[in-house]
PDB file of N, CA and C in Angstrom:
ATOM      1  N   UNK A   1     120.673  69.963 101.372  1.00  0.00           N
ATOM      2  CA  UNK A   1     120.122  70.583 100.674  1.00  0.00           C
ATOM      3  C   UNK A   1     120.924  72.216 100.469  1.00  0.00           C
ATOM      4  N   UNK A   2     121.008  72.724  98.652  1.00  0.00           N
ATOM      5  CA  UNK A   2     122.147  73.808  99.024  1.00  0.00           C
ATOM      6  C   UNK A   2     120.892  75.221  99.233  1.00  0.00           C
ATOM      7  N   UNK A   3     121.543  76.223 100.014  1.00  0.00           N
ATOM      8  CA  UNK A   3     120.946  77.140 100.654  1.00  0.00           C
ATOM      9  C   UNK A   3     121.340  78.933  99.755  1.00  0.00           C
ATOM     10  N   UNK A   4     120.741  79.587  99.296  1.00  0.00           N
ATOM     11  CA  UNK A   4     121.141  81.145  99.027  1.00  0.00           C
ATOM     12  C   UNK A   4     120.465  82.211 100.002  1.00  0.00           C
ATOM     13  N   UNK A   5     121.367  82.633 100.334  1.00  0.00           N
ATOM     14  CA  UNK A   5     120.646  83.540 101.559  1.00  0.00           C
ATOM     15  C   UNK A   5     121.076  85.257 101.147  1.00  0.00           C
ATOM     16  N   UNK A   6     119.876  85.783 100.872  1.00  0.00           N
ATOM     17  CA  UNK A   6     120.300  87.507 100.616  1.00  0.00           C
ATOM     18  C   UNK A   6     119.695  88.456 101.171  1.00  0.00           C
ATOM     19  N   UNK A   7     120.208  89.354 101.260  1.00  0.00           N
ATOM     20  CA  UNK A   7     119.815  90.640 102.345  1.00  0.00           C
ATOM     21  C   UNK A   7     119.571  91.396 101.440  1.00  0.00           C
ATOM     22  N   UNK A   8     118.413  91.741 101.688  1.00  0.00           N
ATOM     23  CA  UNK A   8     117.480  93.296 100.657  1.00  0.00           C
ATOM     24  C   UNK A   8     117.050  94.885 101.557  1.00  0.00           C
ATOM     25  N   UNK A   9     117.254  95.410 100.890  1.00  0.00           N
ATOM     26  CA  UNK A   9     117.049  96.629 101.721  1.00  0.00           C
ATOM     27  C   UNK A   9     116.138  97.791 100.586  1.00  0.00           C
ATOM     28  N   UNK A  10     114.976  97.812 101.204  1.00  0.00           N
ATOM     29  CA  UNK A  10     113.624  98.378 100.555  1.00  0.00           C
ATOM     30  C   UNK A  10     113.763  97.681  99.235  1.00  0.00           C
ATOM     31  N   UNK A  11     113.792  95.918  98.772  1.00  0.00           N
ATOM     32  CA  UNK A  11     113.848  95.544  97.316  1.00  0.00           C
ATOM     33  C   UNK A  11     114.909  95.179  96.878  1.00  0.00           C
ATOM     34  N   UNK A  12     115.868  96.103  97.196  1.00  0.00           N
ATOM     35  CA  UNK A  12     116.854  95.653  96.323  1.00  0.00           C
ATOM     36  C   UNK A  12     118.195  95.297  97.178  1.00  0.00           C
ATOM     37  N   UNK A  13     118.672  94.559  96.565  1.00  0.00           N
ATOM     38  CA  UNK A  13     119.658  93.383  96.600  1.00  0.00           C
ATOM     39  C   UNK A  13     121.063  93.883  97.090  1.00  0.00           C
ATOM     40  N   UNK A  14     121.619  93.936  98.554  1.00  0.00           N
ATOM     41  CA  UNK A  14     122.715  94.315  98.996  1.00  0.00           C
ATOM     42  C   UNK A  14     123.634  93.561  99.113  1.00  0.00           C
ATOM     43  N   UNK A  15     123.470  91.965  99.634  1.00  0.00           N
ATOM     44  CA  UNK A  15     124.599  90.906  99.901  1.00  0.00           C
ATOM     45  C   UNK A  15     123.901  89.418  99.381  1.00  0.00           C
ATOM     46  N   UNK A  16     124.788  88.496  99.494  1.00  0.00           N
ATOM     47  CA  UNK A  16     124.308  87.509  99.244  1.00  0.00           C
ATOM     48  C   UNK A  16     125.198  86.342  99.629  1.00  0.00           C
ATOM     49  N   UNK A  17     124.577  85.119 100.268  1.00  0.00           N
ATOM     50  CA  UNK A  17     125.746  84.703 101.166  1.00  0.00           C
ATOM     51  C   UNK A  17     125.545  82.962 101.254  1.00  0.00           C
ATOM     52  N   UNK A  18     126.292  82.193 101.202  1.00  0.00           N
ATOM     53  CA  UNK A  18     125.936  80.616 100.693  1.00  0.00           C
ATOM     54  C   UNK A  18     126.146  80.361 102.077  1.00  0.00           C
ATOM     55  N   UNK A  19     126.311  80.590 103.211  1.00  0.00           N
ATOM     56  CA  UNK A  19     125.836  79.772 104.741  1.00  0.00           C
ATOM     57  C   UNK A  19     124.535  81.030 105.534  1.00  0.00           C
ATOM     58  N   UNK A  20     123.821  80.388 106.604  1.00  0.00           N
ATOM     59  CA  UNK A  20     122.925  81.616 106.952  1.00  0.00           C
ATOM     60  C   UNK A  20     123.836  82.021 108.144  1.00  0.00           C
ATOM     61  N   UNK A  21     124.910  81.181 108.911  1.00  0.00           N
ATOM     62  CA  UNK A  21     125.325  82.244 109.872  1.00  0.00           C
ATOM     63  C   UNK A  21     126.086  83.617 109.258  1.00  0.00           C
ATOM     64  N   UNK A  22     126.856  83.392 108.752  1.00  0.00           N
ATOM     65  CA  UNK A  22     127.577  84.557 108.045  1.00  0.00           C
ATOM     66  C   UNK A  22     126.337  85.784 107.531  1.00  0.00           C
ATOM     67  N   UNK A  23     124.913  85.209 106.837  1.00  0.00           N
ATOM     68  CA  UNK A  23     123.697  86.480 106.571  1.00  0.00           C
ATOM     69  C   UNK A  23     123.601  86.830 107.823  1.00  0.00           C
ATOM     70  N   UNK A  24     123.056  86.075 108.591  1.00  0.00           N
ATOM     71  CA  UNK A  24     122.426  86.600 109.810  1.00  0.00           C
ATOM     72  C   UNK A  24     123.080  87.403 110.713  1.00  0.00           C
ATOM     73  N   UNK A  25     124.383  87.109 110.773  1.00  0.00           N
ATOM     74  CA  UNK A  25     125.317  88.132 111.564  1.00  0.00           C
ATOM     75  C   UNK A  25     125.305  89.203 110.811  1.00  0.00           C
ATOM     76  N   UNK A  26     125.567  89.196 109.314  1.00  0.00           N
ATOM     77  CA  UNK A  26     125.622  90.680 108.185  1.00  0.00           C
ATOM     78  C   UNK A  26     124.861  91.259 108.617  1.00  0.00           C
ATOM     79  N   UNK A  27     123.164  90.760 108.685  1.00  0.00           N
ATOM     80  CA  UNK A  27     121.891  91.438 108.881  1.00  0.00           C
ATOM     81  C   UNK A  27     122.148  92.317 110.083  1.00  0.00           C
ATOM     82  N   UNK A  28     122.205  91.208 111.213  1.00  0.00           N
ATOM     83  CA  UNK A  28     122.237  91.891 112.148  1.00  0.00           C
ATOM     84  C   UNK A  28     123.322  93.002 112.464  1.00  0.00           C
ATOM     85  N   UNK A  29     124.393  93.165 112.118  1.00  0.00           N
ATOM     86  CA  UNK A  29     125.267  94.521 111.889  1.00  0.00           C
ATOM     87  C   UNK A  29     125.124  95.609 111.141  1.00  0.00           C
ATOM     88  N   UNK A  30     124.610  95.399 109.842  1.00  0.00           N
ATOM     89  CA  UNK A  30     123.980  96.451 109.456  1.00  0.00           C
ATOM     90  C   UNK A  30     123.005  97.095 110.079  1.00  0.00           C
ATOM     91  N   UNK A  31     121.874  96.394 110.574  1.00  0.00           N
ATOM     92  CA  UNK A  31     120.912  96.312 111.470  1.00  0.00           C
ATOM     93  C   UNK A  31     121.474  97.967 112.213  1.00  0.00           C
ATOM     94  N   UNK A  32     122.784  97.141 113.146  1.00  0.00           N
ATOM     95  CA  UNK A  32     122.594  97.987 114.590  1.00  0.00           C
ATOM     96  C   UNK A  32     124.246  98.926 114.059  1.00  0.00           C
ATOM     97  N   UNK A  33     124.580  98.989 112.915  1.00  0.00           N
ATOM     98  CA  UNK A  33     125.392 100.284 111.882  1.00  0.00           C
ATOM     99  C   UNK A  33     124.500 101.267 111.652  1.00  0.00           C
ATOM    100  N   UNK A  34     123.050 101.135 111.098  1.00  0.00           N
ATOM    101  CA  UNK A  34     122.336 101.572 110.688  1.00  0.00           C
ATOM    102  C   UNK A  34     120.996 101.756 111.232  1.00  0.00           C
ATOM    103  N   UNK A  35     120.221 102.161 112.789  1.00  0.00           N
ATOM    104  CA  UNK A  35     119.209 101.998 113.390  1.00  0.00           C
ATOM    105  C   UNK A  35     117.944 102.903 112.075  1.00  0.00           C
ATOM    106  N   UNK A  36     118.348 103.631 111.444  1.00  0.00           N
ATOM    107  CA  UNK A  36     117.403 104.276 110.933  1.00  0.00           C
ATOM    108  C   UNK A  36     116.973 103.605 109.716  1.00  0.00           C
ATOM    109  N   UNK A  37     117.837 102.556 109.308  1.00  0.00           N
ATOM    110  CA  UNK A  37     117.513 102.131 108.182  1.00  0.00           C
ATOM    111  C   UNK A  37     117.184 100.223 108.450  1.00  0.00           C
ATOM    112  N   UNK A  38     117.411 100.113 109.443  1.00  0.00           N
ATOM    113  CA  UNK A  38     117.198  98.351 109.729  1.00  0.00           C
ATOM    114  C   UNK A  38     115.692  98.032 109.547  1.00  0.00           C
ATOM    115  N   UNK A  39     114.637  98.992 109.826  1.00  0.00           N
ATOM    116  CA  UNK A  39     113.085  98.365 109.600  1.00  0.00           C
ATOM    117  C   UNK A  39     112.737  98.184 107.870  1.00  0.00           C
ATOM    118  N   UNK A  40     113.811  98.212 107.037  1.00  0.00           N
ATOM    119  CA  UNK A  40     114.022  98.090 105.383  1.00  0.00           C
ATOM    120  C   UNK A  40     114.793  96.811 105.262  1.00  0.00           C
ATOM    121  N   UNK A  41     115.109  96.574 106.321  1.00  0.00           N
ATOM    122  CA  UNK A  41     116.401  95.365 105.831  1.00  0.00           C
ATOM    123  C   UNK A  41     115.491  93.770 106.089  1.00  0.00           C
ATOM    124  N   UNK A  42     115.726  92.575 105.074  1.00  0.00           N
ATOM    125  CA  UNK A  42     115.265  91.290 104.818  1.00  0.00           C
ATOM    126  C   UNK A  42     116.142  90.494 104.454  1.00  0.00           C
ATOM    127  N   UNK A  43     116.362  89.503 105.207  1.00  0.00           N
ATOM    128  CA  UNK A  43     117.094  88.510 105.320  1.00  0.00           C
ATOM    129  C   UNK A  43     116.006  87.473 104.327  1.00  0.00           C
ATOM    130  N   UNK A  44     116.050  86.850 103.129  1.00  0.00           N
ATOM    131  CA  UNK A  44     115.485  85.663 102.112  1.00  0.00           C
ATOM    132  C   UNK A  44     116.296  84.757 102.019  1.00  0.00           C
ATOM    133  N   UNK A  45     116.078  83.424 102.749  1.00  0.00           N
ATOM    134  CA  UNK A  45     116.828  82.247 102.087  1.00  0.00           C
ATOM    135  C   UNK A  45     115.788  81.700 100.562  1.00  0.00           C
ATOM    136  N   UNK A  46     117.024  81.416  99.764  1.00  0.00           N
ATOM    137  CA  UNK A  46     116.365  80.657  98.688  1.00  0.00           C
ATOM    138  C   UNK A  46     116.697  79.320  98.048  1.00  0.00           C
ATOM    139  N   UNK A  47     116.159  78.546  97.874  1.00  0.00           N
ATOM    140  CA  UNK A  47     116.674  77.207  98.155  1.00  0.00           C
ATOM    141  C   UNK A  47     117.283  76.610  96.244  1.00  0.00           C
ATOM    142  N   UNK A  48     117.601  75.769  96.164  1.00  0.00           N
ATOM    143  CA  UNK A  48     118.655  75.840  94.952  1.00  0.00           C
ATOM    144  C   UNK A  48     118.148  75.795  93.651  1.00  0.00           C
ATOM    145  N   UNK A  49     116.704  75.493  93.789  1.00  0.00           N
ATOM    146  CA  UNK A  49     115.895  76.356  92.642  1.00  0.00           C
ATOM    147  C   UNK A  49     115.599  77.558  92.169  1.00  0.00           C
ATOM    148  N   UNK A  50     116.031  78.359  93.498  1.00  0.00           N
ATOM    149  CA  UNK A  50     116.067  79.716  93.426  1.00  0.00           C
ATOM    150  C   UNK A  50     114.649  80.126  93.918  1.00  0.00           C
ATOM    151  N   UNK A  51     113.669  79.588  94.660  1.00  0.00           N
ATOM    152  CA  UNK A  51     112.612  80.135  95.170  1.00  0.00           C
ATOM    153  C   UNK A  51     112.284  80.269  96.775  1.00  0.00           C
ATOM    154  N   UNK A  52     111.815  81.124  96.986  1.00  0.00           N
ATOM    155  CA  UNK A  52     112.355  81.675  98.474  1.00  0.00           C
ATOM    156  C   UNK A  52     111.470  80.835  99.186  1.00  0.00           C
ATOM    157  N   UNK A  53     112.140  80.696 100.547  1.00  0.00           N
ATOM    158  CA  UNK A  53     111.367  79.099 101.700  1.00  0.00           C
ATOM    159  C   UNK A  53     111.550  80.084 102.625  1.00  0.00           C
ATOM    160  N   UNK A  54     112.080  81.179 103.225  1.00  0.00           N
ATOM    161  CA  UNK A  54     112.149  81.621 104.461  1.00  0.00           C
ATOM    162  C   UNK A  54     112.324  83.305 104.269  1.00  0.00           C
ATOM    163  N   UNK A  55     112.224  83.642 105.577  1.00  0.00           N
ATOM    164  CA  UNK A  55     112.558  85.041 105.486  1.00  0.00           C
ATOM    165  C   UNK A  55     113.136  85.710 107.078  1.00  0.00           C
ATOM    166  N   UNK A  56     113.570  86.609 107.352  1.00  0.00           N
ATOM    167  CA  UNK A  56     113.438  86.989 108.395  1.00  0.00           C
ATOM    168  C   UNK A  56     113.879  88.648 108.881  1.00  0.00           C
ATOM    169  N   UNK A  57     113.319  89.600 109.510  1.00  0.00           N
ATOM    170  CA  UNK A  57     114.150  90.601 110.031  1.00  0.00           C
ATOM    171  C   UNK A  57     115.142  90.713 110.830  1.00  0.00           C
ATOM    172  N   UNK A  58     116.214  91.885 111.001  1.00  0.00           N
ATOM    173  CA  UNK A  58     116.841  92.002 111.446  1.00  0.00           C
ATOM    174  C   UNK A  58     116.667  91.607 113.309  1.00  0.00           C
ATOM    175  N   UNK A  59     117.604  90.270 113.961  1.00  0.00           N
ATOM    176  CA  UNK A  59     117.531  90.213 115.360  1.00  0.00           C
ATOM    177  C   UNK A  59     116.672  88.885 115.448  1.00  0.00           C
ATOM    178  N   UNK A  60     115.711  88.464 113.990  1.00  0.00           N
ATOM    179  CA  UNK A  60     115.229  87.045 113.643  1.00  0.00           C
ATOM    180  C   UNK A  60     115.808  85.941 113.598  1.00  0.00           C
ATOM    181  N   UNK A  61     115.086  84.963 113.332  1.00  0.00           N
ATOM    182  CA  UNK A  61     115.917  83.584 112.798  1.00  0.00           C
ATOM    183  C   UNK A  61     115.158  82.930 111.930  1.00  0.00           C
ATOM    184  N   UNK A  62     115.792  82.601 110.773  1.00  0.00           N
ATOM    185  CA  UNK A  62     114.935  81.844 109.980  1.00  0.00           C
ATOM    186  C   UNK A  62     114.494  80.495 110.386  1.00  0.00           C
ATOM    187  N   UNK A  63     113.267  80.287 109.963  1.00  0.00           N
ATOM    188  CA  UNK A  63     112.264  79.238 111.190  1.00  0.00           C
ATOM    189  C   UNK A  63     112.922  77.531 110.743  1.00  0.00           C
ATOM    190  N   UNK A  64     113.205  77.639 109.323  1.00  0.00           N
ATOM    191  CA  UNK A  64     113.457  76.376 108.722  1.00  0.00           C
ATOM    192  C   UNK A  64     115.204  75.719 109.298  1.00  0.00           C
ATOM    193  N   UNK A  65     115.700  76.388 110.159  1.00  0.00           N
ATOM    194  CA  UNK A  65     117.025  76.254 110.438  1.00  0.00           C
ATOM    195  C   UNK A  65     116.914  76.340 112.045  1.00  0.00           C
ATOM    196  N   UNK A  66     117.374  75.273 113.214  1.00  0.00           N
ATOM    197  CA  UNK A  66     117.403  75.783 114.290  1.00  0.00           C
ATOM    198  C   UNK A  66     118.037  77.002 114.855  1.00  0.00           C
ATOM    199  N   UNK A  67     117.145  77.724 115.843  1.00  0.00           N
ATOM    200  CA  UNK A  67     118.245  78.973 116.648  1.00  0.00           C
ATOM    201  C   UNK A  67     119.724  78.885 116.612  1.00  0.00           C
ATOM    202  N   UNK A  68     120.172  80.138 116.527  1.00  0.00           N
ATOM    203  CA  UNK A  68     121.774  79.799 116.983  1.00  0.00           C
ATOM    204  C   UNK A  68     122.021  79.700 118.549  1.00  0.00           C
ATOM    205  N   UNK A  69     123.011  79.240 119.101  1.00  0.00           N
ATOM    206  CA  UNK A  69     122.941  78.923 120.311  1.00  0.00           C
ATOM    207  C   UNK A  69     123.512  80.177 121.305  1.00  0.00           C
TER     208      UNK A  69
END
């Protein structure tokens, strides 16, 4: 199944990815680079039809995927 992963800051799209590891790494890097804005960041996973299927905050993981080792 194809997924798209998007990072939002207060509802504004700031980045989109086609793989979860890159999206999660970028989310956590953005949060670390700017702790004052980390509470506004959200990663959302979308299915092939564009429907949201999961989301997480910095430091979290997407429940529909196994956690990274």
